[in-house]
Protein backbone atom coordinates (compact mmCIF):
# COMPACT_ATOMS: atom_id res chain seq x y z
CA UNK A 1 -11.25 15.00 1.43
CA UNK A 2 -7.59 15.52 0.55
CA UNK A 3 -5.60 12.33 0.89
CA UNK A 4 -2.21 11.01 -0.09
CA UNK A 5 -1.27 7.43 -0.94
CA UNK A 6 1.68 5.38 0.30
CA UNK A 7 2.77 2.30 -1.69
CA UNK A 8 4.90 -0.05 0.40
CA UNK A 9 7.56 -1.61 -1.87
CA UNK A 10 10.62 -1.92 0.37
CA UNK A 11 10.72 -5.65 1.13
CA UNK A 12 13.48 -8.04 0.12
CA UNK A 13 11.13 -10.62 -1.51
CA UNK A 14 13.03 -13.46 0.16
CA UNK A 15 10.30 -16.04 -0.55
CA UNK A 16 10.10 -14.99 -4.20
CA UNK A 17 13.88 -15.21 -4.68
CA UNK A 18 13.87 -12.13 -6.92
CA UNK A 19 12.54 -8.60 -6.37
CA UNK A 20 8.79 -9.08 -6.74
CA UNK A 21 8.41 -5.34 -7.28
CA UNK A 22 9.85 -5.97 -10.75
CA UNK A 23 7.74 -9.02 -11.67
CA UNK A 24 5.73 -8.20 -14.75
CA UNK A 25 1.98 -8.52 -15.07
CA UNK A 26 0.47 -7.48 -18.39
CA UNK A 27 3.88 -6.14 -19.38
CA UNK A 28 4.32 -3.86 -16.36
CA UNK A 29 6.33 -4.33 -13.15
CA UNK A 30 4.16 -4.82 -10.07
CA UNK A 31 5.45 -1.64 -8.46
CA UNK A 32 4.56 0.39 -11.57
CA UNK A 33 1.07 -1.13 -11.65
CA UNK A 34 0.53 -0.19 -8.01
CA UNK A 35 1.83 3.34 -8.49
CA UNK A 36 -0.30 3.85 -11.61
CA UNK A 37 -3.39 2.59 -9.77
CA UNK A 38 -2.72 5.15 -7.05
CA UNK A 39 -2.07 7.91 -9.58
CA UNK A 40 -5.37 7.04 -11.28
CA UNK A 41 -7.29 7.85 -8.11
CA UNK A 42 -8.23 11.17 -6.49
CA UNK A 43 -5.28 10.92 -4.10
CA UNK A 44 -2.20 13.12 -4.21
CA UNK A 45 0.68 12.86 -3.67
CA UNK A 46 1.63 9.25 -4.27
CA UNK A 47 4.66 8.09 -2.28
CA UNK A 48 6.45 4.84 -3.17
CA UNK A 49 8.60 3.53 -0.32
CA UNK A 50 11.67 1.61 -1.51
CA UNK A 51 14.26 -0.25 0.54
CA UNK A 52 15.83 -3.54 -0.53
CA UNK A 53 16.91 -3.44 -4.18
CA UNK A 54 16.03 0.26 -4.40
CA UNK A 55 18.74 0.89 -6.99
CA UNK A 56 17.15 -1.73 -9.30
CA UNK A 57 13.56 -0.61 -8.73
CA UNK A 58 13.89 3.18 -8.79
CA UNK A 59 14.59 3.47 -12.59
CA UNK A 60 11.27 1.88 -13.56
CA UNK A 61 9.42 4.59 -11.60
CA UNK A 62 11.40 7.48 -13.11
CA UNK A 63 8.69 8.56 -15.55
CA UNK A 64 5.85 8.54 -13.04
CA UNK A 65 4.87 11.68 -11.06
CA UNK A 66 5.35 9.87 -7.75
CA UNK A 67 7.56 10.70 -4.79
CA UNK A 68 10.19 8.12 -3.85
CA UNK A 69 10.91 7.62 -0.16
CA UNK A 70 13.93 5.46 0.53
CA UNK A 71 13.74 3.51 3.77
CA UNK A 72 17.25 2.64 4.99
CA UNK A 73 15.81 0.59 7.88
CA UNK A 74 13.55 -1.57 5.67
CA UNK A 75 14.88 -4.77 7.28
CA UNK A 76 13.19 -3.75 10.53
CA UNK A 77 9.83 -4.61 8.98
CA UNK A 78 6.74 -3.04 7.49
CA UNK A 79 6.33 -0.46 10.26
CA UNK A 80 9.54 1.28 9.24
CA UNK A 81 8.22 1.69 5.69
CA UNK A 82 4.91 3.09 6.95
CA UNK A 83 6.91 5.56 9.05
CA UNK A 84 8.97 6.59 6.01
CA UNK A 85 5.86 7.01 3.88
CA UNK A 86 3.84 9.02 6.39
CA UNK A 87 6.84 11.26 7.13
CA UNK A 88 7.21 12.00 3.40
CA UNK A 89 3.49 12.75 3.05
CA UNK A 90 3.53 15.13 6.02
CA UNK A 91 6.59 16.92 4.67
CA UNK A 92 4.94 17.32 1.27
CA UNK A 93 1.65 18.68 2.60
CA UNK A 94 0.46 19.68 6.04
CA UNK A 95 -3.15 19.93 4.90
CA UNK A 96 -3.90 16.29 4.07
CA UNK A 97 -7.03 14.90 5.70
CA UNK A 98 -6.09 11.23 5.27
CA UNK A 99 -3.61 8.71 3.94
CA UNK A 100 -4.15 5.42 2.12
CA UNK A 101 -1.51 2.77 2.79
CA UNK A 102 -1.26 0.07 0.11
CA UNK A 103 1.00 -2.84 -0.81
CA UNK A 104 2.76 -3.23 -4.15
CA UNK A 105 2.18 -6.99 -4.40
CA UNK A 106 -1.63 -7.12 -4.65
CA UNK A 107 -2.10 -7.53 -8.37
CA UNK A 108 -5.84 -6.69 -8.20
CA UNK A 109 -5.21 -3.28 -6.57
CA UNK A 110 -6.86 -0.61 -8.75
CA UNK A 111 -8.13 3.00 -8.66
CA UNK A 112 -11.62 1.69 -7.80
CA UNK A 113 -10.14 0.02 -4.70
CA UNK A 114 -9.13 3.43 -3.37
CA UNK A 115 -12.48 4.95 -4.34
CA UNK A 116 -14.29 2.25 -2.35
CA UNK A 117 -12.22 3.00 0.77
CA UNK A 118 -12.87 6.73 0.45
CA UNK A 119 -16.60 6.20 -0.06
CA UNK A 120 -16.78 3.90 2.97
CA UNK A 121 -15.14 6.60 5.08
CA UNK A 122 -17.61 9.20 3.87
CA UNK A 123 -20.63 7.04 4.60
CA UNK A 124 -19.43 5.55 7.90
CA UNK A 125 -17.63 8.51 9.40
CA UNK A 126 -15.03 6.10 10.82
CA UNK A 127 -11.44 7.26 11.13
CA UNK A 128 -9.99 4.01 9.70
CA UNK A 129 -11.24 2.03 6.71
CA UNK A 130 -9.60 -1.31 5.98
CA UNK A 131 -9.92 -3.74 3.11
CA UNK A 132 -11.34 -7.06 4.35
CA UNK A 133 -10.35 -10.37 2.77
CA UNK A 134 -9.46 -13.88 3.92
CA UNK A 135 -11.46 -13.23 7.09
CA UNK A 136 -9.45 -10.27 8.38
CA UNK A 137 -8.81 -6.58 7.92
CA UNK A 138 -5.69 -5.58 6.02
CA UNK A 139 -4.13 -3.22 3.49
CA UNK A 140 -4.96 -1.18 1.58
CA UNK A 141 -6.39 0.96 4.33
CA UNK A 142 -7.36 4.59 4.80
CA UNK A 143 -6.39 6.50 7.94
CA UNK A 144 -7.64 9.95 8.85
CA UNK A 145 -5.08 12.52 9.92
CA UNK A 146 -5.73 11.87 13.63
CA UNK A 147 -3.81 8.60 13.21
CA UNK A 148 -0.75 10.08 11.48
CA UNK A 149 1.26 10.41 14.69
CA UNK A 150 0.53 6.78 15.58
CA UNK A 151 1.54 5.61 12.10
CA UNK A 152 4.76 7.64 12.37
CA UNK A 153 5.61 5.83 15.62
CA UNK A 154 4.93 2.22 14.56
CA UNK A 155 7.58 -0.44 15.17
CA UNK A 156 8.07 -4.07 14.18
CA UNK A 157 6.81 -6.20 11.31
CA UNK A 158 3.09 -6.19 12.08
CA UNK A 159 2.69 -2.82 10.39
CA UNK A 160 -0.62 -1.23 11.29
CA UNK A 161 -2.41 -4.51 12.01
CA UNK A 162 -3.42 -3.52 15.55
CA UNK A 163 -4.97 -0.29 14.27
CA UNK A 164 -6.82 -2.08 11.46
CA UNK A 165 -8.39 -4.50 13.92
CA UNK A 166 -9.21 -1.87 16.52
CA UNK A 167 -12.61 -1.00 18.05
CA UNK A 168 -15.68 -1.06 15.81
CA UNK A 169 -16.50 2.58 16.55
CA UNK A 170 -13.16 3.50 14.98
CA UNK A 171 -12.74 0.99 12.14
CA UNK A 172 -14.97 -0.01 9.26
CA UNK A 173 -14.14 -2.57 6.59
CA UNK A 174 -14.83 -2.96 2.88
CA UNK A 175 -15.09 -6.51 1.54
CA UNK A 176 -12.48 -6.80 -1.24
CA UNK A 177 -11.93 -10.55 -1.66
CA UNK A 178 -9.89 -10.07 -4.86
CA UNK A 179 -7.08 -8.59 -2.76
CA UNK A 180 -6.56 -11.82 -0.84
CA UNK A 181 -4.22 -12.94 -3.63
CA UNK A 182 -0.80 -11.42 -3.20
CA UNK A 183 2.42 -12.46 -4.86
CA UNK A 184 4.88 -13.85 -2.32
CA UNK A 185 6.32 -16.97 -3.95
CA UNK A 186 7.14 -18.18 -7.48
CA UNK A 187 4.08 -20.46 -7.19
CA UNK A 188 1.85 -17.44 -6.53
CA UNK A 189 3.21 -15.70 -9.60
CA UNK A 190 2.73 -18.78 -11.81
CA UNK A 191 -0.82 -19.22 -10.51
CA UNK A 192 -1.70 -15.59 -11.21
CA UNK A 193 -0.35 -15.87 -14.75
CA UNK A 194 -2.31 -19.09 -15.33
CA UNK A 195 -5.56 -17.64 -14.02
CA UNK A 196 -5.09 -14.41 -15.97
CA UNK A 197 -5.03 -16.43 -19.19
CA UNK A 198 -8.28 -18.28 -18.47
């Protein structure tokens, strides 16, 4: 299966008060960690969608073999970034079988996360595979090509939530409880740093 990966990193980080894409964990900005995790998987290409603070974030990605998609309508919500990412993937390659959509603020996101989603698709045959944590389906998630047009037409801030919680014959989930922890506030970041040291 040929698949590309979209890293959503366009948000304004209003609750964090500073661009969380640039917060460092183990000496690397979050957005770099996410991109490197994607690049360490079987997926290609990797698209990083930037929006707010793009001029500050772009330089730290310069040395990585990832495509940058700038989303001028990032303030509209997550759907606009998914649209930008899927459009870039489709322009890069018309022969992709699937796309993985991931967030840049899940510090536990890793190459094995992507491998688990791909394996679940192979074994289940479902057209959507979502990570499951905190009692619901969420990102990262894998979508087969049949959903590309729907992803390219999403609107609002819910992203692909409706797709991820669609009918059971279409969606399967992989339990990934470690992804429940994302970095939205200074308290989240402090907690992650504390727990990483223990």
